[in-house]
């Protein structure tokens, strides 16, 4: 199942440097692991914002929920989840 997820991050301005560095390092390690596993297909920075648009390919809604809930930055994020379906005009489908 494919999902587009927009993640807007709002870290508290008073977050201590050590805590900020720790949560960012854990977030990067977690996301890289999911990318290597093939569940986090791509991640795109949204220019001008502390936000990204990510594509997930997961087995179920529950799996996506589990992934998102366990993001180290989850408590500082606003998320928007959009289920995706293949479009019949997609060139990739014509090449299959």
N, C-alpha and C. Protein backbone atom coordinates (compact mmCIF):
# COMPACT_ATOMS: atom_id res chain seq x y z
N UNK A 1 0.84 -1.17 0.00
CA UNK A 1 0.00 0.00 0.00
C UNK A 1 0.89 1.24 0.00
N UNK A 2 0.59 2.14 -0.91
CA UNK A 2 1.38 3.37 -1.02
C UNK A 2 0.68 4.53 -0.32
N UNK A 3 1.49 5.33 0.38
CA UNK A 3 0.99 6.51 1.07
C UNK A 3 1.97 7.65 0.86
N UNK A 4 1.43 8.85 0.66
CA UNK A 4 2.22 10.07 0.73
C UNK A 4 1.96 10.67 2.11
N UNK A 5 3.02 11.02 2.79
CA UNK A 5 2.89 11.60 4.13
C UNK A 5 3.67 12.91 4.16
N UNK A 6 2.96 13.99 4.46
CA UNK A 6 3.61 15.28 4.68
C UNK A 6 3.87 15.42 6.16
N UNK A 7 5.11 15.72 6.51
CA UNK A 7 5.52 15.86 7.90
C UNK A 7 6.05 17.26 8.12
N UNK A 8 5.37 18.03 8.95
CA UNK A 8 5.79 19.38 9.32
C UNK A 8 6.35 19.30 10.73
N UNK A 9 7.59 19.73 10.92
CA UNK A 9 8.26 19.62 12.22
C UNK A 9 8.27 20.97 12.92
N UNK A 10 7.94 20.97 14.20
CA UNK A 10 7.97 22.18 15.03
C UNK A 10 8.67 21.84 16.35
N UNK A 11 9.99 21.92 16.33
CA UNK A 11 10.74 21.67 17.56
C UNK A 11 10.59 22.86 18.50
N UNK A 12 10.45 22.61 19.79
CA UNK A 12 10.35 23.72 20.74
C UNK A 12 11.63 24.57 20.71
N UNK A 13 11.45 25.87 20.77
CA UNK A 13 12.60 26.77 20.73
C UNK A 13 13.49 26.61 21.96
N UNK A 14 12.92 26.15 23.07
CA UNK A 14 13.69 26.01 24.30
C UNK A 14 14.25 24.59 24.49
N UNK A 15 14.18 23.76 23.46
CA UNK A 15 14.73 22.40 23.56
C UNK A 15 16.25 22.49 23.69
N UNK A 16 16.78 21.85 24.72
CA UNK A 16 18.23 21.86 24.96
C UNK A 16 18.97 21.28 23.76
N UNK A 17 20.17 21.79 23.49
CA UNK A 17 20.96 21.34 22.34
C UNK A 17 21.21 19.84 22.37
N UNK A 18 21.54 19.28 23.54
CA UNK A 18 21.80 17.84 23.62
C UNK A 18 20.55 17.04 23.28
N UNK A 19 19.40 17.47 23.78
CA UNK A 19 18.15 16.77 23.49
C UNK A 19 17.80 16.89 22.01
N UNK A 20 17.99 18.08 21.43
CA UNK A 20 17.73 18.29 20.01
C UNK A 20 18.63 17.38 19.16
N UNK A 21 19.91 17.39 19.46
CA UNK A 21 20.85 16.56 18.69
C UNK A 21 20.52 15.08 18.82
N UNK A 22 20.13 14.66 20.01
CA UNK A 22 19.78 13.26 20.24
C UNK A 22 18.56 12.84 19.43
N UNK A 23 17.48 13.64 19.49
CA UNK A 23 16.26 13.26 18.78
C UNK A 23 16.48 13.31 17.27
N UNK A 24 17.27 14.26 16.79
CA UNK A 24 17.54 14.32 15.35
C UNK A 24 18.37 13.13 14.88
N UNK A 25 19.34 12.71 15.68
CA UNK A 25 20.16 11.54 15.34
C UNK A 25 19.32 10.27 15.34
N UNK A 26 18.44 10.12 16.33
CA UNK A 26 17.57 8.95 16.37
C UNK A 26 16.60 8.94 15.21
N UNK A 27 16.07 10.11 14.84
CA UNK A 27 15.16 10.22 13.70
C UNK A 27 15.85 9.79 12.41
N UNK A 28 17.08 10.27 12.21
CA UNK A 28 17.81 9.93 10.99
C UNK A 28 18.09 8.43 10.93
N UNK A 29 18.54 7.84 12.02
CA UNK A 29 18.83 6.40 12.04
C UNK A 29 17.56 5.59 11.78
N UNK A 30 16.46 5.99 12.39
CA UNK A 30 15.19 5.28 12.21
C UNK A 30 14.73 5.36 10.76
N UNK A 31 14.79 6.56 10.18
CA UNK A 31 14.33 6.71 8.79
C UNK A 31 15.24 5.98 7.82
N UNK A 32 16.54 6.01 8.05
CA UNK A 32 17.46 5.28 7.17
C UNK A 32 17.20 3.78 7.23
N UNK A 33 16.92 3.25 8.41
CA UNK A 33 16.60 1.82 8.53
C UNK A 33 15.37 1.46 7.73
N UNK A 34 14.33 2.30 7.80
CA UNK A 34 13.10 2.03 7.04
C UNK A 34 13.33 2.19 5.54
N UNK A 35 14.21 3.11 5.15
CA UNK A 35 14.54 3.26 3.73
C UNK A 35 15.28 2.02 3.22
N UNK A 36 16.24 1.55 3.99
CA UNK A 36 16.97 0.33 3.59
C UNK A 36 16.04 -0.87 3.52
N UNK A 37 15.02 -0.91 4.36
CA UNK A 37 14.06 -2.01 4.37
C UNK A 37 13.04 -1.91 3.23
N UNK A 38 12.99 -0.75 2.56
CA UNK A 38 12.09 -0.58 1.43
C UNK A 38 10.71 -0.06 1.79
N UNK A 39 10.47 0.23 3.06
CA UNK A 39 9.15 0.74 3.45
C UNK A 39 9.05 2.26 3.29
N UNK A 40 10.15 2.97 3.49
CA UNK A 40 10.19 4.41 3.30
C UNK A 40 10.85 4.61 1.95
N UNK A 41 10.02 4.73 0.91
CA UNK A 41 10.49 4.68 -0.48
C UNK A 41 11.28 5.92 -0.86
N UNK A 42 10.78 7.09 -0.49
CA UNK A 42 11.51 8.32 -0.81
C UNK A 42 11.12 9.42 0.16
N UNK A 43 12.01 10.40 0.24
CA UNK A 43 11.77 11.55 1.12
C UNK A 43 12.23 12.80 0.38
N UNK A 44 11.35 13.79 0.37
CA UNK A 44 11.60 15.04 -0.33
C UNK A 44 11.46 16.20 0.64
N UNK A 45 12.44 17.09 0.65
CA UNK A 45 12.34 18.30 1.44
C UNK A 45 11.33 19.23 0.78
N UNK A 46 10.51 19.90 1.58
CA UNK A 46 9.60 20.92 1.08
C UNK A 46 10.34 22.25 1.23
N UNK A 47 10.69 22.84 0.12
CA UNK A 47 11.53 24.05 0.12
C UNK A 47 10.91 25.16 0.98
N UNK A 48 11.77 25.74 1.80
CA UNK A 48 11.35 26.88 2.61
C UNK A 48 10.64 26.54 3.90
N UNK A 49 10.49 25.26 4.20
CA UNK A 49 9.80 24.84 5.43
C UNK A 49 10.61 23.74 6.12
N UNK A 50 10.39 23.56 7.40
CA UNK A 50 10.99 22.42 8.11
C UNK A 50 9.97 21.30 7.96
N UNK A 51 9.93 20.73 6.74
CA UNK A 51 8.90 19.75 6.39
C UNK A 51 9.42 18.86 5.28
N UNK A 52 8.78 17.69 5.16
CA UNK A 52 9.11 16.80 4.06
C UNK A 52 7.85 16.13 3.54
N UNK A 53 7.98 15.63 2.33
CA UNK A 53 6.95 14.78 1.73
C UNK A 53 7.61 13.43 1.52
N UNK A 54 7.05 12.41 2.14
CA UNK A 54 7.63 11.07 2.07
C UNK A 54 6.64 10.10 1.46
N UNK A 55 7.17 9.12 0.74
CA UNK A 55 6.37 8.05 0.17
C UNK A 55 6.71 6.77 0.92
N UNK A 56 5.67 6.10 1.41
CA UNK A 56 5.81 4.84 2.11
C UNK A 56 5.13 3.74 1.31
N UNK A 57 5.73 2.57 1.31
CA UNK A 57 5.14 1.37 0.70
C UNK A 57 5.11 0.31 1.79
N UNK A 58 3.93 0.15 2.39
CA UNK A 58 3.79 -0.71 3.57
C UNK A 58 2.68 -1.73 3.36
N UNK A 59 2.66 -2.74 4.20
CA UNK A 59 1.70 -3.84 4.05
C UNK A 59 0.28 -3.46 4.46
N UNK A 60 0.15 -2.46 5.34
CA UNK A 60 -1.20 -2.15 5.85
C UNK A 60 -1.24 -0.76 6.45
N UNK A 61 -2.47 -0.29 6.70
CA UNK A 61 -2.67 0.97 7.42
C UNK A 61 -2.04 0.87 8.80
N UNK A 62 -2.20 -0.27 9.43
CA UNK A 62 -1.66 -0.46 10.78
C UNK A 62 -0.14 -0.34 10.78
N UNK A 63 0.52 -0.87 9.75
CA UNK A 63 1.98 -0.77 9.68
C UNK A 63 2.40 0.68 9.51
N UNK A 64 1.70 1.44 8.67
CA UNK A 64 2.05 2.85 8.52
C UNK A 64 1.87 3.57 9.86
N UNK A 65 0.77 3.30 10.54
CA UNK A 65 0.53 3.91 11.85
C UNK A 65 1.68 3.59 12.81
N UNK A 66 2.10 2.34 12.84
CA UNK A 66 3.20 1.93 13.71
C UNK A 66 4.48 2.70 13.38
N UNK A 67 4.80 2.81 12.09
CA UNK A 67 6.00 3.54 11.67
C UNK A 67 5.93 4.99 12.12
N UNK A 68 4.82 5.64 11.83
CA UNK A 68 4.69 7.06 12.16
C UNK A 68 4.70 7.30 13.66
N UNK A 69 3.99 6.47 14.38
CA UNK A 69 3.90 6.61 15.84
C UNK A 69 5.28 6.49 16.49
N UNK A 70 6.17 5.70 15.88
CA UNK A 70 7.49 5.46 16.46
C UNK A 70 8.57 6.41 15.96
N UNK A 71 8.21 7.38 15.12
CA UNK A 71 9.18 8.39 14.72
C UNK A 71 9.65 9.15 15.96
N UNK A 72 10.95 9.26 16.17
CA UNK A 72 11.41 10.03 17.33
C UNK A 72 10.90 11.47 17.36
N UNK A 73 10.66 12.07 16.19
CA UNK A 73 10.14 13.43 16.13
C UNK A 73 8.62 13.50 16.13
N UNK A 74 7.94 12.36 16.25
CA UNK A 74 6.48 12.31 16.13
C UNK A 74 5.78 13.36 17.00
N UNK A 75 6.21 13.51 18.24
CA UNK A 75 5.55 14.43 19.17
C UNK A 75 5.68 15.88 18.74
N UNK A 76 6.61 16.16 17.81
CA UNK A 76 6.83 17.52 17.34
C UNK A 76 6.31 17.73 15.91
N UNK A 77 5.55 16.77 15.39
CA UNK A 77 5.13 16.82 14.00
C UNK A 77 3.63 17.01 13.85
N UNK A 78 3.30 17.64 12.74
CA UNK A 78 1.94 17.62 12.23
C UNK A 78 2.00 16.79 10.95
N UNK A 79 1.18 15.75 10.86
CA UNK A 79 1.22 14.82 9.73
C UNK A 79 -0.05 14.91 8.91
N UNK A 80 0.12 14.73 7.61
CA UNK A 80 -1.01 14.57 6.71
C UNK A 80 -0.75 13.34 5.87
N UNK A 81 -1.64 12.35 5.96
CA UNK A 81 -1.48 11.07 5.26
C UNK A 81 -2.47 11.00 4.11
N UNK A 82 -1.94 10.64 2.93
CA UNK A 82 -2.77 10.51 1.73
C UNK A 82 -2.53 9.13 1.12
N UNK A 83 -3.56 8.26 1.07
CA UNK A 83 -3.41 6.98 0.38
C UNK A 83 -3.24 7.23 -1.12
N UNK A 84 -2.41 6.41 -1.75
CA UNK A 84 -2.14 6.58 -3.18
C UNK A 84 -2.57 5.35 -3.96
N UNK A 85 -2.98 5.57 -5.20
CA UNK A 85 -3.29 4.49 -6.15
C UNK A 85 -2.60 4.83 -7.46
N UNK A 86 -2.22 3.80 -8.20
CA UNK A 86 -1.55 4.02 -9.48
C UNK A 86 -2.50 4.74 -10.44
N UNK A 87 -1.94 5.63 -11.25
CA UNK A 87 -2.71 6.37 -12.24
C UNK A 87 -2.55 5.68 -13.59
N UNK A 88 -3.63 5.47 -14.32
CA UNK A 88 -3.55 4.75 -15.59
C UNK A 88 -2.69 5.45 -16.64
N UNK A 89 -2.41 6.73 -16.49
CA UNK A 89 -1.57 7.45 -17.45
C UNK A 89 -0.10 7.47 -17.04
N UNK A 90 0.26 6.78 -15.97
CA UNK A 90 1.65 6.74 -15.51
C UNK A 90 2.51 5.99 -16.53
N UNK A 91 3.55 6.64 -17.02
CA UNK A 91 4.45 6.04 -18.00
C UNK A 91 5.05 4.73 -17.48
N UNK A 92 5.33 4.65 -16.19
CA UNK A 92 5.91 3.43 -15.62
C UNK A 92 5.01 2.23 -15.85
N UNK A 93 3.70 2.42 -15.81
CA UNK A 93 2.77 1.32 -16.06
C UNK A 93 2.85 0.86 -17.52
N UNK A 94 3.04 1.80 -18.43
CA UNK A 94 3.12 1.46 -19.85
C UNK A 94 4.39 0.66 -20.15
N UNK A 95 5.43 0.86 -19.34
CA UNK A 95 6.70 0.17 -19.57
C UNK A 95 6.75 -1.21 -18.93
N UNK A 96 5.76 -1.55 -18.11
CA UNK A 96 5.77 -2.85 -17.44
C UNK A 96 5.34 -3.95 -18.38
